[in-house]
């Protein structure tokens, strides 16, 4: 049986989910830009970059439904209700999410709220923080002879600090992008060391990715909590990667990982 994709141009969606990338407008897709500039209503997260928000037409209504980790947040039920109400209005609605809306963005919960009432939608993925952070330190997320897989994990979930495949992550050469890992940095460090990770394993902390105040902190697993404490905003931890320039001055770290 053939099913029509909800992303089909003929689906005439009421709500468009748009991934805004981590901050800079340079990381928007053309489809995302068109959706933003033709929107009647934009329901956006707090982490959407100022450059992207500046592209919203002055005629469009903006609804800020920001969430802050361990801080003030708009309840998900409230966001779902707004999406439903605006989706039924007959206007062009954009749900603008930081990064890629399908990675730790509660996308399924919001889609479920729409489809329960027969409200159409489409998804325009965005560049996720891991991709942009790796690019900004001059590295790739996968590399022949180093890692044939990539993990994307969260530092915490609804139950608290998230459990992971620690033994798999601790293997030499593995690369893991850890989202929302600032608060759980010491927990992550302890679990990785318990499962055999080398203390000298490279980690790069990238805060405020692609924004004017971006901060890149090269560190190791042994020094992770101290490094994370220096981060000046939302950050991703790139476990197993060091900035390319740093590798020239820290050859012993690569030798230990070989």
Protein backbone atom coordinates (compact mmCIF):
# COMPACT_ATOMS: atom_id res chain seq x y z
CA UNK A 1 0.00 0.00 0.00
CA UNK A 2 1.36 3.40 -0.98
CA UNK A 3 0.95 6.29 1.43
CA UNK A 4 1.35 9.95 0.64
CA UNK A 5 4.11 11.64 2.62
CA UNK A 6 2.93 14.47 4.88
CA UNK A 7 5.83 16.43 3.40
CA UNK A 8 4.30 16.22 -0.08
CA UNK A 9 3.69 19.55 -1.77
CA UNK A 10 0.10 18.47 -2.46
CA UNK A 11 -0.64 17.83 1.21
CA UNK A 12 -1.35 21.55 1.82
CA UNK A 13 -0.21 21.47 5.46
CA UNK A 14 -1.52 23.95 8.00
CA UNK A 15 1.64 23.76 10.12
CA UNK A 16 5.23 23.65 8.90
CA UNK A 17 7.87 22.43 11.34
CA UNK A 18 11.11 24.22 10.54
CA UNK A 19 14.59 23.42 11.82
CA UNK A 20 16.34 26.76 12.33
CA UNK A 21 19.87 25.43 12.82
CA UNK A 22 21.86 26.28 15.95
CA UNK A 23 22.02 30.05 15.54
CA UNK A 24 23.39 31.64 12.39
CA UNK A 25 21.04 32.38 9.49
CA UNK A 26 23.76 30.92 7.22
CA UNK A 27 22.61 27.48 8.31
CA UNK A 28 19.00 27.81 7.17
CA UNK A 29 17.86 25.82 4.15
CA UNK A 30 16.15 27.64 1.29
CA UNK A 31 12.91 25.84 2.17
CA UNK A 32 13.16 27.02 5.76
CA UNK A 33 13.74 30.62 4.64
CA UNK A 34 10.73 30.53 2.31
CA UNK A 35 8.50 29.10 5.02
CA UNK A 36 9.56 31.75 7.54
CA UNK A 37 9.14 34.63 5.13
CA UNK A 38 5.65 33.56 4.06
CA UNK A 39 4.36 32.72 7.55
CA UNK A 40 1.36 34.38 9.16
CA UNK A 41 2.22 32.95 12.57
CA UNK A 42 5.60 31.81 13.93
CA UNK A 43 5.69 29.75 17.12
CA UNK A 44 9.35 29.68 18.09
CA UNK A 45 11.70 28.29 20.69
CA UNK A 46 13.96 30.46 22.80
CA UNK A 47 17.11 28.92 21.33
CA UNK A 48 16.36 30.10 17.79
CA UNK A 49 19.12 32.53 16.81
CA UNK A 50 18.54 36.28 16.63
CA UNK A 51 19.61 36.31 12.96
CA UNK A 52 16.88 33.82 12.13
CA UNK A 53 14.22 35.62 14.16
CA UNK A 54 15.08 38.82 12.27
CA UNK A 55 13.90 37.12 9.06
CA UNK A 56 10.31 36.79 10.35
CA UNK A 57 8.07 39.30 8.52
CA UNK A 58 6.84 42.23 10.54
CA UNK A 59 3.29 41.24 9.60
CA UNK A 60 3.62 37.81 11.19
CA UNK A 61 2.55 37.13 14.77
CA UNK A 62 5.34 35.77 16.95
CA UNK A 63 4.62 33.42 19.82
CA UNK A 64 7.61 32.66 22.05
CA UNK A 65 7.24 29.23 23.67
CA UNK A 66 10.79 28.95 24.91
CA UNK A 67 12.15 26.24 27.16
CA UNK A 68 15.26 26.60 29.31
CA UNK A 69 16.96 23.52 30.67
CA UNK A 70 16.40 23.45 34.45
CA UNK A 71 14.76 26.89 34.18
CA UNK A 72 11.49 28.63 33.22
CA UNK A 73 9.74 26.80 30.40
CA UNK A 74 6.47 26.82 28.51
CA UNK A 75 4.66 23.56 29.35
CA UNK A 76 4.48 21.16 26.43
CA UNK A 77 0.72 20.91 26.81
CA UNK A 78 0.49 24.69 26.28
CA UNK A 79 2.62 24.48 23.13
CA UNK A 80 0.47 21.66 21.77
CA UNK A 81 -2.69 23.67 22.43
CA UNK A 82 -1.26 26.71 20.62
CA UNK A 83 -0.30 24.60 17.62
CA UNK A 84 -3.77 23.14 17.41
CA UNK A 85 -5.49 26.51 17.76
CA UNK A 86 -3.30 28.20 15.16
CA UNK A 87 -3.39 25.16 12.89
CA UNK A 88 -7.18 25.42 12.77
CA UNK A 89 -7.08 29.15 12.00
CA UNK A 90 -6.50 28.76 8.27
CA UNK A 91 -3.29 30.79 8.39
CA UNK A 92 0.23 29.70 7.46
CA UNK A 93 1.80 28.52 10.71
CA UNK A 94 5.51 27.87 11.21
CA UNK A 95 6.73 25.98 14.26
CA UNK A 96 10.34 27.14 14.44
CA UNK A 97 12.71 24.95 16.42
CA UNK A 98 16.42 25.37 17.08
CA UNK A 99 18.78 22.93 15.37
CA UNK A 100 16.98 20.08 13.66
CA UNK A 101 13.40 19.73 14.85
CA UNK A 102 13.62 15.94 14.78
CA UNK A 103 16.55 15.64 17.22
CA UNK A 104 15.57 16.05 20.88
CA UNK A 105 12.91 18.54 19.79
CA UNK A 106 9.70 16.84 21.02
CA UNK A 107 8.56 16.78 17.43
CA UNK A 108 6.47 13.63 17.74
CA UNK A 109 4.45 15.00 20.65
CA UNK A 110 3.49 18.08 18.66
CA UNK A 111 2.70 16.11 15.52
CA UNK A 112 0.48 13.79 17.56
CA UNK A 113 -1.48 16.78 18.86
CA UNK A 114 -2.10 17.98 15.28
CA UNK A 115 -2.94 14.64 13.71
CA UNK A 116 -5.40 13.83 16.49
CA UNK A 117 -7.57 16.58 15.01
CA UNK A 118 -6.71 15.95 11.37
CA UNK A 119 -4.48 19.02 11.04
CA UNK A 120 -1.94 18.67 8.23
CA UNK A 121 1.77 19.31 8.65
CA UNK A 122 5.12 19.07 6.92
CA UNK A 123 8.69 18.95 8.22
CA UNK A 124 11.66 20.96 6.94
CA UNK A 125 14.71 19.53 8.75
CA UNK A 126 17.50 21.82 9.87
CA UNK A 127 21.22 21.49 10.55
CA UNK A 128 21.68 19.95 13.97
CA UNK A 129 24.14 21.34 16.53
CA UNK A 130 26.51 18.38 16.23
CA UNK A 131 27.07 18.94 12.50
CA UNK A 132 27.75 22.65 12.84
CA UNK A 133 29.89 22.29 15.96
CA UNK A 134 32.08 19.66 14.29
CA UNK A 135 32.44 21.85 11.20
CA UNK A 136 33.44 24.80 13.36
CA UNK A 137 36.31 22.86 14.92
CA UNK A 138 37.46 21.63 11.52
CA UNK A 139 36.42 18.02 12.03
CA UNK A 140 34.09 15.47 10.52
CA UNK A 141 31.74 13.40 12.65
CA UNK A 142 32.79 10.17 10.92
CA UNK A 143 36.16 9.24 9.52
CA UNK A 144 37.51 6.18 7.76
CA UNK A 145 39.73 4.20 10.10
CA UNK A 146 38.47 6.03 13.18
CA UNK A 147 34.74 5.60 13.66
CA UNK A 148 32.23 3.83 11.43
CA UNK A 149 29.30 5.01 13.52
CA UNK A 150 28.15 8.13 15.35
CA UNK A 151 26.11 8.35 18.52
CA UNK A 152 23.80 11.27 19.25
CA UNK A 153 22.71 11.15 22.88
CA UNK A 154 21.17 13.39 25.52
CA UNK A 155 22.74 14.15 28.86
CA UNK A 156 19.41 14.07 30.64
CA UNK A 157 15.86 12.95 30.01
CA UNK A 158 12.54 13.25 31.84
CA UNK A 159 13.74 10.84 34.54
CA UNK A 160 17.04 12.65 35.22
CA UNK A 161 20.54 11.98 33.95
CA UNK A 162 20.17 9.66 30.95
CA UNK A 163 21.65 6.16 30.88
CA UNK A 164 23.61 5.15 27.78
CA UNK A 165 25.62 2.33 26.22
CA UNK A 166 28.66 3.40 28.23
CA UNK A 167 30.84 0.46 27.25
CA UNK A 168 30.20 1.08 23.56
CA UNK A 169 30.84 4.81 23.90
CA UNK A 170 34.08 4.15 25.83
CA UNK A 171 35.72 2.11 23.07
CA UNK A 172 38.77 3.83 21.52
CA UNK A 173 37.96 5.84 18.39
CA UNK A 174 34.26 6.27 19.11
CA UNK A 175 32.60 9.65 18.58
CA UNK A 176 29.50 10.76 20.48
CA UNK A 177 27.65 14.08 20.30
CA UNK A 178 26.18 14.74 23.73
CA UNK A 179 23.32 17.24 23.80
CA UNK A 180 22.20 18.90 27.06
CA UNK A 181 25.26 17.53 28.83
CA UNK A 182 26.44 20.49 30.92
CA UNK A 183 24.59 19.58 34.09
CA UNK A 184 25.43 15.90 33.73
CA UNK A 185 29.13 16.36 32.88
CA UNK A 186 30.47 14.82 36.10
CA UNK A 187 27.99 11.94 35.84
CA UNK A 188 29.04 11.32 32.23
CA UNK A 189 32.70 11.44 33.18
CA UNK A 190 32.24 8.91 35.98
CA UNK A 191 30.29 6.46 33.86
CA UNK A 192 32.75 6.62 30.98
CA UNK A 193 35.77 6.06 33.23
CA UNK A 194 33.98 3.18 34.97
CA UNK A 195 33.51 1.49 31.60
CA UNK A 196 37.10 1.80 30.44
CA UNK A 197 37.37 5.13 28.66
CA UNK A 198 40.85 6.65 28.71
CA UNK A 199 41.08 9.80 30.86
CA UNK A 200 43.02 11.53 28.05
CA UNK A 201 40.22 11.02 25.49
CA UNK A 202 39.59 14.24 23.54
CA UNK A 203 36.38 16.14 24.14
CA UNK A 204 35.42 19.52 22.69
CA UNK A 205 32.78 21.65 24.38
CA UNK A 206 31.13 24.07 21.95
CA UNK A 207 28.80 26.67 23.45
CA UNK A 208 26.51 29.11 21.62
CA UNK A 209 27.19 27.31 18.37
CA UNK A 210 27.52 29.54 15.26
CA UNK A 211 26.62 32.70 17.20
CA UNK A 212 28.85 35.78 17.68
CA UNK A 213 29.73 34.60 21.20
CA UNK A 214 30.54 31.01 20.20
CA UNK A 215 33.00 29.39 22.58
CA UNK A 216 35.19 26.38 21.79
CA UNK A 217 36.84 24.61 24.73
CA UNK A 218 39.24 21.75 23.98
CA UNK A 219 39.57 19.38 26.90
CA UNK A 220 39.85 15.73 27.89
CA UNK A 221 37.59 13.35 29.76
CA UNK A 222 39.73 13.83 32.87
CA UNK A 223 39.06 17.58 32.87
CA UNK A 224 35.50 17.61 31.52
CA UNK A 225 33.65 19.07 34.56
CA UNK A 226 36.07 21.99 34.81
CA UNK A 227 35.83 22.68 31.09
CA UNK A 228 32.03 22.60 31.09
CA UNK A 229 31.94 25.09 33.96
CA UNK A 230 33.58 27.62 31.61
CA UNK A 231 30.87 27.31 28.96
CA UNK A 232 28.94 30.56 28.66
CA UNK A 233 25.69 29.21 27.20
CA UNK A 234 23.91 26.15 25.77
CA UNK A 235 26.58 23.68 24.71
CA UNK A 236 27.21 20.37 22.99
CA UNK A 237 29.96 17.96 24.02
CA UNK A 238 31.81 16.31 21.13
CA UNK A 239 33.26 13.21 22.77
CA UNK A 240 36.19 11.81 20.84
CA UNK A 241 36.96 14.97 18.87
CA UNK A 242 39.45 17.80 19.34
CA UNK A 243 39.70 20.98 17.30
CA UNK A 244 41.89 20.26 14.28
CA UNK A 245 44.38 22.97 15.25
CA UNK A 246 44.67 21.55 18.77
CA UNK A 247 45.73 18.15 17.44
CA UNK A 248 48.98 19.68 16.21
CA UNK A 249 49.96 20.61 19.77
CA UNK A 250 48.50 17.54 21.51
CA UNK A 251 49.85 14.57 19.52
CA UNK A 252 49.99 12.40 22.63
CA UNK A 253 46.19 12.43 22.85
CA UNK A 254 45.83 10.95 19.36
CA UNK A 255 48.50 8.35 20.11
CA UNK A 256 46.60 7.26 23.21
CA UNK A 257 43.42 6.87 21.14
CA UNK A 258 45.13 4.86 18.37
